[in-house]
Amino acid sequence: MLTYATVDRLPRTQAVRRALRATHRPEATADLLFLEAWEIDAPRDLASLLRARQIVRANRTLAAEIEAELKAG
């Protein structure tokens, strides 16, 4: 099972890469990478679900871009 306590990897989508260039705050970077990881393989625990939903509500367009890009493959 994936853990999202620390996400220390490169982004897989162009949408997240663009968003990361626009921010330099570590907590925002962690949220963006978490959201991308969530879209790839969503864990089933409540804490991760709540965190993902909160990030999506704040970034609906980005979440849609990530989802579309991952589906396009």
N, C-alpha and C. Protein backbone atom coordinates (compact mmCIF):
# COMPACT_ATOMS: atom_id res chain seq x y z
N MET A 1 0.84 -1.19 0.00
CA MET A 1 0.00 0.00 0.00
C MET A 1 0.88 1.25 0.00
N LEU A 2 0.49 2.21 -0.76
CA LEU A 2 1.23 3.46 -0.82
C LEU A 2 1.02 4.28 0.44
N THR A 3 2.05 4.95 0.87
CA THR A 3 1.89 5.91 1.95
C THR A 3 2.21 7.28 1.40
N TYR A 4 1.51 8.26 1.89
CA TYR A 4 1.65 9.61 1.38
C TYR A 4 2.15 10.57 2.44
N ALA A 5 2.79 10.05 3.48
CA ALA A 5 3.30 10.92 4.53
C ALA A 5 4.35 11.88 3.95
N THR A 6 5.25 11.33 3.17
CA THR A 6 6.21 12.18 2.47
C THR A 6 6.24 11.74 1.02
N VAL A 7 6.04 12.65 0.16
CA VAL A 7 6.07 12.36 -1.27
C VAL A 7 7.32 13.03 -1.81
N ASP A 8 8.33 12.22 -2.07
CA ASP A 8 9.60 12.77 -2.52
C ASP A 8 9.98 12.18 -3.88
N ARG A 9 9.19 12.52 -4.85
CA ARG A 9 9.42 12.03 -6.20
C ARG A 9 9.11 13.14 -7.19
N LEU A 10 9.47 12.88 -8.41
CA LEU A 10 9.20 13.85 -9.46
C LEU A 10 7.76 13.69 -9.93
N PRO A 11 7.15 14.78 -10.36
CA PRO A 11 5.78 14.68 -10.87
C PRO A 11 5.73 13.90 -12.18
N ARG A 12 4.63 13.20 -12.40
CA ARG A 12 4.46 12.42 -13.62
C ARG A 12 3.67 13.16 -14.68
N THR A 13 2.89 14.16 -14.28
CA THR A 13 2.04 14.85 -15.24
C THR A 13 2.54 16.26 -15.52
N GLN A 14 2.24 16.72 -16.73
CA GLN A 14 2.59 18.09 -17.09
C GLN A 14 1.81 19.09 -16.25
N ALA A 15 0.58 18.76 -15.92
CA ALA A 15 -0.26 19.66 -15.12
C ALA A 15 0.40 19.96 -13.77
N VAL A 16 0.92 18.94 -13.11
CA VAL A 16 1.57 19.15 -11.82
C VAL A 16 2.90 19.86 -12.00
N ARG A 17 3.62 19.54 -13.05
CA ARG A 17 4.89 20.26 -13.31
C ARG A 17 4.65 21.76 -13.45
N ARG A 18 3.61 22.12 -14.20
CA ARG A 18 3.28 23.54 -14.37
C ARG A 18 2.91 24.18 -13.03
N ALA A 19 2.10 23.48 -12.25
CA ALA A 19 1.68 24.01 -10.96
C ALA A 19 2.86 24.16 -10.00
N LEU A 20 3.80 23.23 -10.06
CA LEU A 20 4.97 23.32 -9.19
C LEU A 20 5.86 24.51 -9.55
N ARG A 21 5.93 24.83 -10.82
CA ARG A 21 6.72 26.00 -11.23
C ARG A 21 6.13 27.29 -10.68
N ALA A 22 4.84 27.28 -10.41
CA ALA A 22 4.15 28.48 -9.94
C ALA A 22 4.22 28.65 -8.42
N THR A 23 4.70 27.65 -7.71
CA THR A 23 4.77 27.76 -6.25
C THR A 23 6.15 27.33 -5.75
N HIS A 24 6.54 27.89 -4.64
CA HIS A 24 7.81 27.52 -4.02
C HIS A 24 7.61 27.18 -2.55
N ARG A 25 6.37 27.00 -2.15
CA ARG A 25 6.06 26.65 -0.76
C ARG A 25 6.10 25.14 -0.60
N PRO A 26 6.86 24.63 0.36
CA PRO A 26 6.98 23.18 0.53
C PRO A 26 5.64 22.48 0.78
N GLU A 27 4.75 23.13 1.54
CA GLU A 27 3.45 22.48 1.81
C GLU A 27 2.60 22.41 0.56
N ALA A 28 2.69 23.40 -0.31
CA ALA A 28 1.95 23.37 -1.57
C ALA A 28 2.52 22.29 -2.49
N THR A 29 3.84 22.16 -2.50
CA THR A 29 4.48 21.13 -3.30
C THR A 29 4.03 19.75 -2.83
N ALA A 30 4.01 19.54 -1.54
CA ALA A 30 3.56 18.25 -0.99
C ALA A 30 2.11 17.97 -1.37
N ASP A 31 1.26 18.98 -1.32
CA ASP A 31 -0.14 18.80 -1.68
C ASP A 31 -0.31 18.45 -3.15
N LEU A 32 0.45 19.11 -4.01
CA LEU A 32 0.35 18.83 -5.44
C LEU A 32 0.80 17.41 -5.76
N LEU A 33 1.90 17.00 -5.18
CA LEU A 33 2.40 15.65 -5.42
C LEU A 33 1.46 14.60 -4.81
N PHE A 34 0.89 14.93 -3.66
CA PHE A 34 -0.08 14.03 -3.04
C PHE A 34 -1.29 13.85 -3.94
N LEU A 35 -1.80 14.96 -4.47
CA LEU A 35 -2.98 14.89 -5.35
C LEU A 35 -2.70 14.02 -6.57
N GLU A 36 -1.55 14.21 -7.17
CA GLU A 36 -1.19 13.40 -8.33
C GLU A 36 -1.10 11.92 -7.94
N ALA A 37 -0.43 11.62 -6.84
CA ALA A 37 -0.32 10.24 -6.38
C ALA A 37 -1.70 9.65 -6.07
N TRP A 38 -2.57 10.47 -5.51
CA TRP A 38 -3.94 10.04 -5.21
C TRP A 38 -4.66 9.64 -6.49
N GLU A 39 -4.51 10.44 -7.53
CA GLU A 39 -5.18 10.13 -8.80
C GLU A 39 -4.62 8.86 -9.42
N ILE A 40 -3.36 8.57 -9.17
CA ILE A 40 -2.75 7.36 -9.73
C ILE A 40 -3.19 6.12 -8.97
N ASP A 41 -3.17 6.18 -7.65
CA ASP A 41 -3.49 5.02 -6.83
C ASP A 41 -4.03 5.48 -5.48
N ALA A 42 -5.31 5.72 -5.42
CA ALA A 42 -5.94 6.26 -4.22
C ALA A 42 -5.97 5.22 -3.10
N PRO A 43 -5.38 5.54 -1.95
CA PRO A 43 -5.50 4.64 -0.81
C PRO A 43 -6.92 4.69 -0.26
N ARG A 44 -7.26 3.75 0.55
CA ARG A 44 -8.63 3.63 1.04
C ARG A 44 -8.83 4.12 2.47
N ASP A 45 -7.81 4.72 3.07
CA ASP A 45 -7.99 5.17 4.45
C ASP A 45 -8.67 6.54 4.48
N LEU A 46 -9.36 6.79 5.56
CA LEU A 46 -10.17 8.00 5.71
C LEU A 46 -9.34 9.28 5.68
N ALA A 47 -8.20 9.28 6.33
CA ALA A 47 -7.37 10.48 6.38
C ALA A 47 -6.93 10.90 4.97
N SER A 48 -6.50 9.94 4.17
CA SER A 48 -6.08 10.25 2.80
C SER A 48 -7.25 10.73 1.96
N LEU A 49 -8.39 10.12 2.14
CA LEU A 49 -9.59 10.54 1.41
C LEU A 49 -9.94 11.99 1.74
N LEU A 50 -9.94 12.33 3.02
CA LEU A 50 -10.27 13.70 3.42
C LEU A 50 -9.25 14.70 2.90
N ARG A 51 -7.97 14.35 2.96
CA ARG A 51 -6.94 15.25 2.46
C ARG A 51 -7.10 15.46 0.95
N ALA A 52 -7.31 14.39 0.23
CA ALA A 52 -7.48 14.50 -1.22
C ALA A 52 -8.69 15.37 -1.57
N ARG A 53 -9.79 15.16 -0.89
CA ARG A 53 -11.00 15.95 -1.16
C ARG A 53 -10.76 17.43 -0.88
N GLN A 54 -10.05 17.74 0.17
CA GLN A 54 -9.76 19.14 0.50
C GLN A 54 -8.89 19.78 -0.58
N ILE A 55 -7.89 19.06 -1.05
CA ILE A 55 -7.02 19.59 -2.10
C ILE A 55 -7.79 19.76 -3.40
N VAL A 56 -8.63 18.79 -3.73
CA VAL A 56 -9.43 18.88 -4.96
C VAL A 56 -10.37 20.08 -4.91
N ARG A 57 -11.02 20.31 -3.76
CA ARG A 57 -11.93 21.46 -3.65
C ARG A 57 -11.18 22.77 -3.89
N ALA A 58 -9.95 22.85 -3.48
CA ALA A 58 -9.17 24.07 -3.65
C ALA A 58 -8.57 24.18 -5.06
N ASN A 59 -8.50 23.06 -5.78
CA ASN A 59 -7.84 23.03 -7.09
C ASN A 59 -8.62 22.19 -8.09
N ARG A 60 -9.88 22.49 -8.27
CA ARG A 60 -10.73 21.67 -9.14
C ARG A 60 -10.19 21.56 -10.58
N THR A 61 -9.73 22.66 -11.12
CA THR A 61 -9.23 22.64 -12.49
C THR A 61 -7.99 21.77 -12.60
N LEU A 62 -7.07 21.94 -11.67
CA LEU A 62 -5.85 21.14 -11.68
C LEU A 62 -6.18 19.66 -11.52
N ALA A 63 -7.07 19.33 -10.62
CA ALA A 63 -7.46 17.93 -10.41
C ALA A 63 -8.03 17.34 -11.71
N ALA A 64 -8.84 18.10 -12.41
CA ALA A 64 -9.41 17.63 -13.67
C ALA A 64 -8.32 17.45 -14.73
N GLU A 65 -7.36 18.37 -14.76
CA GLU A 65 -6.25 18.25 -15.72
C GLU A 65 -5.41 17.01 -15.44
N ILE A 66 -5.12 16.75 -14.17
CA ILE A 66 -4.33 15.58 -13.80
C ILE A 66 -5.09 14.32 -14.21
N GLU A 67 -6.36 14.25 -13.86
CA GLU A 67 -7.16 13.07 -14.20
C GLU A 67 -7.21 12.83 -15.70
N ALA A 68 -7.42 13.88 -16.47
CA ALA A 68 -7.49 13.75 -17.92
C ALA A 68 -6.15 13.30 -18.50
N GLU A 69 -5.08 13.86 -17.99
CA GLU A 69 -3.75 13.52 -18.49
C GLU A 69 -3.42 12.05 -18.16
N LEU A 70 -3.76 11.60 -16.99
CA LEU A 70 -3.49 10.21 -16.61
C LEU A 70 -4.34 9.25 -17.42
N LYS A 71 -5.58 9.60 -17.71
CA LYS A 71 -6.44 8.74 -18.52
C LYS A 71 -5.95 8.65 -19.96
N ALA A 72 -5.39 9.77 -20.46
CA ALA A 72 -4.88 9.79 -21.82
C ALA A 72 -3.63 8.93 -21.95
N GLY A 73 -2.98 8.73 -20.83
CA GLY A 73 -1.90 7.81 -20.73
C GLY A 73 -0.57 8.15 -21.12
